[in-house]
């Protein structure tokens, strides 16, 4: 909420289990 231009980034999903990390491919968020 209340998004700002500085929130513009690629957002990556993260999951972890017993020290092993996995990442999503990323989704672009652009705030103008």
ModelCIF file with pLDDT and N, C-alpha, C, O atoms, coordinates in Angstrom:
data_MODEL
#
_entry.id   MODEL 
#
_entity.id                         1 
_entity.type                       polymer 
_entity.pdbx_number_of_molecules   1 
#
_entity_poly.entity_id                      1 
_entity_poly.type                           'polypeptide(L)' 
_entity_poly.nstd_linkage                   no 
_entity_poly.nstd_monomer                   no 
_entity_poly.pdbx_seq_one_letter_code       
;(UNK)(UNK)(UNK)(UNK)(UNK)(UNK)(UNK)(UNK)(UNK)(UNK)(UNK)(UNK)(UNK)(UNK)(UNK)(UNK)
(UNK)(UNK)(UNK)(UNK)(UNK)(UNK)(UNK)(UNK)(UNK)(UNK)(UNK)(UNK)(UNK)(UNK)(UNK)(UNK)
;
_entity_poly.pdbx_seq_one_letter_code_can   XXXXXXXXXXXXXXXXXXXXXXXXXXXXXXXX 
_entity_poly.pdbx_strand_id                 A 
#
loop_
_entity_poly_seq.entity_id 
_entity_poly_seq.num 
_entity_poly_seq.mon_id 
_entity_poly_seq.hetero 
1 1  UNK n 
1 2  UNK n 
1 3  UNK n 
1 4  UNK n 
1 5  UNK n 
1 6  UNK n 
1 7  UNK n 
1 8  UNK n 
1 9  UNK n 
1 10 UNK n 
1 11 UNK n 
1 12 UNK n 
1 13 UNK n 
1 14 UNK n 
1 15 UNK n 
1 16 UNK n 
1 17 UNK n 
1 18 UNK n 
1 19 UNK n 
1 20 UNK n 
1 21 UNK n 
1 22 UNK n 
1 23 UNK n 
1 24 UNK n 
1 25 UNK n 
1 26 UNK n 
1 27 UNK n 
1 28 UNK n 
1 29 UNK n 
1 30 UNK n 
1 31 UNK n 
1 32 UNK n 
#
_struct_asym.id          A 
_struct_asym.entity_id   1 
#
loop_
_ma_qa_metric.id 
_ma_qa_metric.mode 
_ma_qa_metric.name 
_ma_qa_metric.software_group_id 
_ma_qa_metric.type 
1 global pLDDT . pLDDT 
2 local  pLDDT . pLDDT 
#
_ma_qa_metric_global.metric_id      1 
_ma_qa_metric_global.metric_value   95.72 
_ma_qa_metric_global.model_id       1 
_ma_qa_metric_global.ordinal_id     1 
#
loop_
_ma_qa_metric_local.label_asym_id 
_ma_qa_metric_local.label_comp_id 
_ma_qa_metric_local.label_seq_id 
_ma_qa_metric_local.metric_id 
_ma_qa_metric_local.metric_value 
_ma_qa_metric_local.model_id 
_ma_qa_metric_local.ordinal_id 
A UNK 1  2 98.00 1 1  
A UNK 2  2 98.00 1 2  
A UNK 3  2 98.00 1 3  
A UNK 4  2 97.00 1 4  
A UNK 5  2 97.00 1 5  
A UNK 6  2 96.00 1 6  
A UNK 7  2 97.00 1 7  
A UNK 8  2 98.00 1 8  
A UNK 9  2 98.00 1 9  
A UNK 10 2 98.00 1 10 
A UNK 11 2 98.00 1 11 
A UNK 12 2 98.00 1 12 
A UNK 13 2 98.00 1 13 
A UNK 14 2 97.00 1 14 
A UNK 15 2 96.00 1 15 
A UNK 16 2 93.00 1 16 
A UNK 17 2 87.00 1 17 
A UNK 18 2 85.00 1 18 
A UNK 19 2 85.00 1 19 
A UNK 20 2 91.00 1 20 
A UNK 21 2 93.00 1 21 
A UNK 22 2 95.00 1 22 
A UNK 23 2 96.00 1 23 
A UNK 24 2 96.00 1 24 
A UNK 25 2 96.00 1 25 
A UNK 26 2 97.00 1 26 
A UNK 27 2 97.00 1 27 
A UNK 28 2 98.00 1 28 
A UNK 29 2 98.00 1 29 
A UNK 30 2 98.00 1 30 
A UNK 31 2 98.00 1 31 
A UNK 32 2 98.00 1 32 
#
loop_
_atom_site.group_PDB 
_atom_site.id 
_atom_site.type_symbol 
_atom_site.label_atom_id 
_atom_site.label_alt_id 
_atom_site.label_comp_id 
_atom_site.label_asym_id 
_atom_site.label_entity_id 
_atom_site.label_seq_id 
_atom_site.pdbx_PDB_ins_code 
_atom_site.Cartn_x 
_atom_site.Cartn_y 
_atom_site.Cartn_z 
_atom_site.occupancy 
_atom_site.B_iso_or_equiv 
_atom_site.pdbx_formal_charge 
_atom_site.auth_seq_id 
_atom_site.auth_comp_id 
_atom_site.auth_asym_id 
_atom_site.auth_atom_id 
_atom_site.pdbx_PDB_model_num 
ATOM 1   N N  . UNK A 1 1  ? 0.833  -1.200  0.000   1.00 98.00 ? 1  UNK A N  1 
ATOM 2   C CA . UNK A 1 1  ? 0.000  0.000   0.000   1.00 98.00 ? 1  UNK A CA 1 
ATOM 3   C C  . UNK A 1 1  ? 0.869  1.251   0.000   1.00 98.00 ? 1  UNK A C  1 
ATOM 4   O O  . UNK A 1 1  ? 2.061  1.203   0.302   1.00 98.00 ? 1  UNK A O  1 
ATOM 5   N N  . UNK A 1 2  ? 0.242  2.364   -0.345  1.00 98.00 ? 2  UNK A N  1 
ATOM 6   C CA . UNK A 1 2  ? 0.932  3.662   -0.354  1.00 98.00 ? 2  UNK A CA 1 
ATOM 7   C C  . UNK A 1 2  ? 2.266  3.570   -1.092  1.00 98.00 ? 2  UNK A C  1 
ATOM 8   O O  . UNK A 1 2  ? 3.301  4.014   -0.595  1.00 98.00 ? 2  UNK A O  1 
ATOM 9   N N  . UNK A 1 3  ? 2.219  2.998   -2.261  1.00 98.00 ? 3  UNK A N  1 
ATOM 10  C CA . UNK A 1 3  ? 3.448  2.762   -3.021  1.00 98.00 ? 3  UNK A CA 1 
ATOM 11  C C  . UNK A 1 3  ? 4.110  4.062   -3.446  1.00 98.00 ? 3  UNK A C  1 
ATOM 12  O O  . UNK A 1 3  ? 3.453  5.065   -3.724  1.00 98.00 ? 3  UNK A O  1 
ATOM 13  N N  . UNK A 1 4  ? 5.428  4.005   -3.485  1.00 97.00 ? 4  UNK A N  1 
ATOM 14  C CA . UNK A 1 4  ? 6.250  5.166   -3.842  1.00 97.00 ? 4  UNK A CA 1 
ATOM 15  C C  . UNK A 1 4  ? 7.157  4.800   -5.001  1.00 97.00 ? 4  UNK A C  1 
ATOM 16  O O  . UNK A 1 4  ? 7.426  3.621   -5.227  1.00 97.00 ? 4  UNK A O  1 
ATOM 17  N N  . UNK A 1 5  ? 7.631  5.794   -5.738  1.00 97.00 ? 5  UNK A N  1 
ATOM 18  C CA . UNK A 1 5  ? 8.556  5.488   -6.847  1.00 97.00 ? 5  UNK A CA 1 
ATOM 19  C C  . UNK A 1 5  ? 9.777  4.680   -6.389  1.00 97.00 ? 5  UNK A C  1 
ATOM 20  O O  . UNK A 1 5  ? 10.292 3.866   -7.156  1.00 97.00 ? 5  UNK A O  1 
ATOM 21  N N  . UNK A 1 6  ? 10.238 4.886   -5.178  1.00 96.00 ? 6  UNK A N  1 
ATOM 22  C CA . UNK A 1 6  ? 11.408 4.138   -4.703  1.00 96.00 ? 6  UNK A CA 1 
ATOM 23  C C  . UNK A 1 6  ? 11.099 2.678   -4.406  1.00 96.00 ? 6  UNK A C  1 
ATOM 24  O O  . UNK A 1 6  ? 12.010 1.903   -4.115  1.00 96.00 ? 6  UNK A O  1 
ATOM 25  N N  . UNK A 1 7  ? 9.846  2.295   -4.472  1.00 97.00 ? 7  UNK A N  1 
ATOM 26  C CA . UNK A 1 7  ? 9.481  0.877   -4.354  1.00 97.00 ? 7  UNK A CA 1 
ATOM 27  C C  . UNK A 1 7  ? 9.627  0.137   -5.685  1.00 97.00 ? 7  UNK A C  1 
ATOM 28  O O  . UNK A 1 7  ? 9.471  -1.083  -5.740  1.00 97.00 ? 7  UNK A O  1 
ATOM 29  N N  . UNK A 1 8  ? 9.923  0.867   -6.740  1.00 98.00 ? 8  UNK A N  1 
ATOM 30  C CA . UNK A 1 8  ? 10.117 0.245   -8.048  1.00 98.00 ? 8  UNK A CA 1 
ATOM 31  C C  . UNK A 1 8  ? 11.280 -0.740  -7.991  1.00 98.00 ? 8  UNK A C  1 
ATOM 32  O O  . UNK A 1 8  ? 12.394 -0.385  -7.604  1.00 98.00 ? 8  UNK A O  1 
ATOM 33  N N  . UNK A 1 9  ? 11.004 -1.976  -8.383  1.00 98.00 ? 9  UNK A N  1 
ATOM 34  C CA . UNK A 1 9  ? 12.016 -3.034  -8.301  1.00 98.00 ? 9  UNK A CA 1 
ATOM 35  C C  . UNK A 1 9  ? 11.438 -4.311  -8.894  1.00 98.00 ? 9  UNK A C  1 
ATOM 36  O O  . UNK A 1 9  ? 10.245 -4.409  -9.184  1.00 98.00 ? 9  UNK A O  1 
ATOM 37  N N  . UNK A 1 10 ? 12.322 -5.281  -9.063  1.00 98.00 ? 10 UNK A N  1 
ATOM 38  C CA . UNK A 1 10 ? 11.867 -6.638  -9.329  1.00 98.00 ? 10 UNK A CA 1 
ATOM 39  C C  . UNK A 1 10 ? 11.693 -7.317  -7.973  1.00 98.00 ? 10 UNK A C  1 
ATOM 40  O O  . UNK A 1 10 ? 12.608 -7.334  -7.149  1.00 98.00 ? 10 UNK A O  1 
ATOM 41  N N  . UNK A 1 11 ? 10.519 -7.868  -7.761  1.00 98.00 ? 11 UNK A N  1 
ATOM 42  C CA . UNK A 1 11 ? 10.205 -8.520  -6.493  1.00 98.00 ? 11 UNK A CA 1 
ATOM 43  C C  . UNK A 1 11 ? 10.311 -10.034 -6.689  1.00 98.00 ? 11 UNK A C  1 
ATOM 44  O O  . UNK A 1 11 ? 9.715  -10.606 -7.601  1.00 98.00 ? 11 UNK A O  1 
ATOM 45  N N  . UNK A 1 12 ? 11.088 -10.660 -5.806  1.00 98.00 ? 12 UNK A N  1 
ATOM 46  C CA . UNK A 1 12 ? 11.353 -12.087 -5.911  1.00 98.00 ? 12 UNK A CA 1 
ATOM 47  C C  . UNK A 1 12 ? 10.691 -12.833 -4.758  1.00 98.00 ? 12 UNK A C  1 
ATOM 48  O O  . UNK A 1 12 ? 10.848 -12.477 -3.591  1.00 98.00 ? 12 UNK A O  1 
ATOM 49  N N  . UNK A 1 13 ? 9.969  -13.847 -5.105  1.00 98.00 ? 13 UNK A N  1 
ATOM 50  C CA . UNK A 1 13 ? 9.428  -14.759 -4.104  1.00 98.00 ? 13 UNK A CA 1 
ATOM 51  C C  . UNK A 1 13 ? 10.567 -15.621 -3.556  1.00 98.00 ? 13 UNK A C  1 
ATOM 52  O O  . UNK A 1 13 ? 11.465 -16.035 -4.290  1.00 98.00 ? 13 UNK A O  1 
ATOM 53  N N  . UNK A 1 14 ? 10.507 -15.876 -2.269  1.00 97.00 ? 14 UNK A N  1 
ATOM 54  C CA . UNK A 1 14 ? 11.526 -16.678 -1.601  1.00 97.00 ? 14 UNK A CA 1 
ATOM 55  C C  . UNK A 1 14 ? 10.842 -17.737 -0.734  1.00 97.00 ? 14 UNK A C  1 
ATOM 56  O O  . UNK A 1 14 ? 9.863  -17.457 -0.042  1.00 97.00 ? 14 UNK A O  1 
ATOM 57  N N  . UNK A 1 15 ? 11.374 -18.950 -0.788  1.00 96.00 ? 15 UNK A N  1 
ATOM 58  C CA . UNK A 1 15 ? 10.952 -19.979 0.153   1.00 96.00 ? 15 UNK A CA 1 
ATOM 59  C C  . UNK A 1 15 ? 12.187 -20.681 0.673   1.00 96.00 ? 15 UNK A C  1 
ATOM 60  O O  . UNK A 1 15 ? 13.184 -20.816 -0.037  1.00 96.00 ? 15 UNK A O  1 
ATOM 61  N N  . UNK A 1 16 ? 12.118 -21.126 1.911   1.00 93.00 ? 16 UNK A N  1 
ATOM 62  C CA . UNK A 1 16 ? 13.258 -21.791 2.514   1.00 93.00 ? 16 UNK A CA 1 
ATOM 63  C C  . UNK A 1 16 ? 12.833 -22.946 3.397   1.00 93.00 ? 16 UNK A C  1 
ATOM 64  O O  . UNK A 1 16 ? 11.768 -22.917 4.013   1.00 93.00 ? 16 UNK A O  1 
ATOM 65  N N  . UNK A 1 17 ? 13.680 -23.962 3.451   1.00 87.00 ? 17 UNK A N  1 
ATOM 66  C CA . UNK A 1 17 ? 13.370 -25.161 4.235   1.00 87.00 ? 17 UNK A CA 1 
ATOM 67  C C  . UNK A 1 17 ? 14.669 -25.818 4.629   1.00 87.00 ? 17 UNK A C  1 
ATOM 68  O O  . UNK A 1 17 ? 15.429 -26.274 3.774   1.00 87.00 ? 17 UNK A O  1 
ATOM 69  N N  . UNK A 1 18 ? 14.927 -25.867 5.929   1.00 85.00 ? 18 UNK A N  1 
ATOM 70  C CA . UNK A 1 18 ? 16.133 -26.495 6.455   1.00 85.00 ? 18 UNK A CA 1 
ATOM 71  C C  . UNK A 1 18 ? 17.396 -25.992 5.758   1.00 85.00 ? 18 UNK A C  1 
ATOM 72  O O  . UNK A 1 18 ? 18.256 -26.769 5.345   1.00 85.00 ? 18 UNK A O  1 
ATOM 73  N N  . UNK A 1 19 ? 17.477 -24.684 5.644   1.00 85.00 ? 19 UNK A N  1 
ATOM 74  C CA . UNK A 1 19 ? 18.694 -24.080 5.129   1.00 85.00 ? 19 UNK A CA 1 
ATOM 75  C C  . UNK A 1 19 ? 18.836 -24.055 3.630   1.00 85.00 ? 19 UNK A C  1 
ATOM 76  O O  . UNK A 1 19 ? 19.837 -23.558 3.115   1.00 85.00 ? 19 UNK A O  1 
ATOM 77  N N  . UNK A 1 20 ? 17.874 -24.572 2.922   1.00 91.00 ? 20 UNK A N  1 
ATOM 78  C CA . UNK A 1 20 ? 17.912 -24.540 1.461   1.00 91.00 ? 20 UNK A CA 1 
ATOM 79  C C  . UNK A 1 20 ? 16.941 -23.463 0.979   1.00 91.00 ? 20 UNK A C  1 
ATOM 80  O O  . UNK A 1 20 ? 15.777 -23.435 1.379   1.00 91.00 ? 20 UNK A O  1 
ATOM 81  N N  . UNK A 1 21 ? 17.434 -22.585 0.122   1.00 93.00 ? 21 UNK A N  1 
ATOM 82  C CA . UNK A 1 21 ? 16.645 -21.458 -0.359  1.00 93.00 ? 21 UNK A CA 1 
ATOM 83  C C  . UNK A 1 21 ? 16.263 -21.644 -1.823  1.00 93.00 ? 21 UNK A C  1 
ATOM 84  O O  . UNK A 1 21 ? 17.025 -22.187 -2.622  1.00 93.00 ? 21 UNK A O  1 
ATOM 85  N N  . UNK A 1 22 ? 15.075 -21.182 -2.146  1.00 95.00 ? 22 UNK A N  1 
ATOM 86  C CA . UNK A 1 22 ? 14.601 -21.204 -3.526  1.00 95.00 ? 22 UNK A CA 1 
ATOM 87  C C  . UNK A 1 22 ? 14.034 -19.829 -3.872  1.00 95.00 ? 22 UNK A C  1 
ATOM 88  O O  . UNK A 1 22 ? 13.486 -19.128 -3.021  1.00 95.00 ? 22 UNK A O  1 
ATOM 89  N N  . UNK A 1 23 ? 14.182 -19.466 -5.139  1.00 96.00 ? 23 UNK A N  1 
ATOM 90  C CA . UNK A 1 23 ? 13.759 -18.139 -5.592  1.00 96.00 ? 23 UNK A CA 1 
ATOM 91  C C  . UNK A 1 23 ? 12.836 -18.246 -6.797  1.00 96.00 ? 23 UNK A C  1 
ATOM 92  O O  . UNK A 1 23 ? 12.993 -19.125 -7.643  1.00 96.00 ? 23 UNK A O  1 
ATOM 93  N N  . UNK A 1 24 ? 11.876 -17.339 -6.857  1.00 96.00 ? 24 UNK A N  1 
ATOM 94  C CA . UNK A 1 24 ? 11.054 -17.218 -8.044  1.00 96.00 ? 24 UNK A CA 1 
ATOM 95  C C  . UNK A 1 24 ? 11.791 -16.466 -9.130  1.00 96.00 ? 24 UNK A C  1 
ATOM 96  O O  . UNK A 1 24 ? 12.920 -16.015 -8.938  1.00 96.00 ? 24 UNK A O  1 
ATOM 97  N N  . UNK A 1 25 ? 11.138 -16.335 -10.274 1.00 96.00 ? 25 UNK A N  1 
ATOM 98  C CA . UNK A 1 25 ? 11.780 -15.683 -11.417 1.00 96.00 ? 25 UNK A CA 1 
ATOM 99  C C  . UNK A 1 25 ? 11.726 -14.165 -11.312 1.00 96.00 ? 25 UNK A C  1 
ATOM 100 O O  . UNK A 1 25 ? 12.431 -13.465 -12.038 1.00 96.00 ? 25 UNK A O  1 
ATOM 101 N N  . UNK A 1 26 ? 10.902 -13.661 -10.420 1.00 97.00 ? 26 UNK A N  1 
ATOM 102 C CA . UNK A 1 26 ? 10.793 -12.219 -10.222 1.00 97.00 ? 26 UNK A CA 1 
ATOM 103 C C  . UNK A 1 26 ? 9.619  -11.626 -10.978 1.00 97.00 ? 26 UNK A C  1 
ATOM 104 O O  . UNK A 1 26 ? 9.267  -12.070 -12.071 1.00 97.00 ? 26 UNK A O  1 
ATOM 105 N N  . UNK A 1 27 ? 9.025  -10.615 -10.371 1.00 97.00 ? 27 UNK A N  1 
ATOM 106 C CA . UNK A 1 27 ? 7.935  -9.890  -11.015 1.00 97.00 ? 27 UNK A CA 1 
ATOM 107 C C  . UNK A 1 27 ? 8.198  -8.401  -10.863 1.00 97.00 ? 27 UNK A C  1 
ATOM 108 O O  . UNK A 1 27 ? 8.542  -7.929  -9.779  1.00 97.00 ? 27 UNK A O  1 
ATOM 109 N N  . UNK A 1 28 ? 8.035  -7.672  -11.944 1.00 98.00 ? 28 UNK A N  1 
ATOM 110 C CA . UNK A 1 28 ? 8.373  -6.243  -11.950 1.00 98.00 ? 28 UNK A CA 1 
ATOM 111 C C  . UNK A 1 28 ? 7.247  -5.430  -11.322 1.00 98.00 ? 28 UNK A C  1 
ATOM 112 O O  . UNK A 1 28 ? 6.074  -5.603  -11.654 1.00 98.00 ? 28 UNK A O  1 
ATOM 113 N N  . UNK A 1 29 ? 7.623  -4.552  -10.420 1.00 98.00 ? 29 UNK A N  1 
ATOM 114 C CA . UNK A 1 29 ? 6.712  -3.554  -9.861  1.00 98.00 ? 29 UNK A CA 1 
ATOM 115 C C  . UNK A 1 29 ? 7.278  -2.182  -10.209 1.00 98.00 ? 29 UNK A C  1 
ATOM 116 O O  . UNK A 1 29 ? 8.420  -1.870  -9.870  1.00 98.00 ? 29 UNK A O  1 
ATOM 117 N N  . UNK A 1 30 ? 6.480  -1.372  -10.882 1.00 98.00 ? 30 UNK A N  1 
ATOM 118 C CA . UNK A 1 30 ? 6.902  -0.036  -11.273 1.00 98.00 ? 30 UNK A CA 1 
ATOM 119 C C  . UNK A 1 30 ? 5.902  0.966   -10.723 1.00 98.00 ? 30 UNK A C  1 
ATOM 120 O O  . UNK A 1 30 ? 4.702  0.867   -10.979 1.00 98.00 ? 30 UNK A O  1 
ATOM 121 N N  . UNK A 1 31 ? 6.407  1.931   -9.966  1.00 98.00 ? 31 UNK A N  1 
ATOM 122 C CA . UNK A 1 31 ? 5.566  2.969   -9.378  1.00 98.00 ? 31 UNK A CA 1 
ATOM 123 C C  . UNK A 1 31 ? 5.922  4.292   -10.039 1.00 98.00 ? 31 UNK A C  1 
ATOM 124 O O  . UNK A 1 31 ? 7.072  4.729   -9.990  1.00 98.00 ? 31 UNK A O  1 
ATOM 125 N N  . UNK A 1 32 ? 4.934  4.927   -10.656 1.00 98.00 ? 32 UNK A N  1 
ATOM 126 C CA . UNK A 1 32 ? 5.168  6.184   -11.362 1.00 98.00 ? 32 UNK A CA 1 
ATOM 127 C C  . UNK A 1 32 ? 4.457  7.326   -10.638 1.00 98.00 ? 32 UNK A C  1 
ATOM 128 O O  . UNK A 1 32 ? 4.531  8.475   -11.075 1.00 98.00 ? 32 UNK A O  1 
#
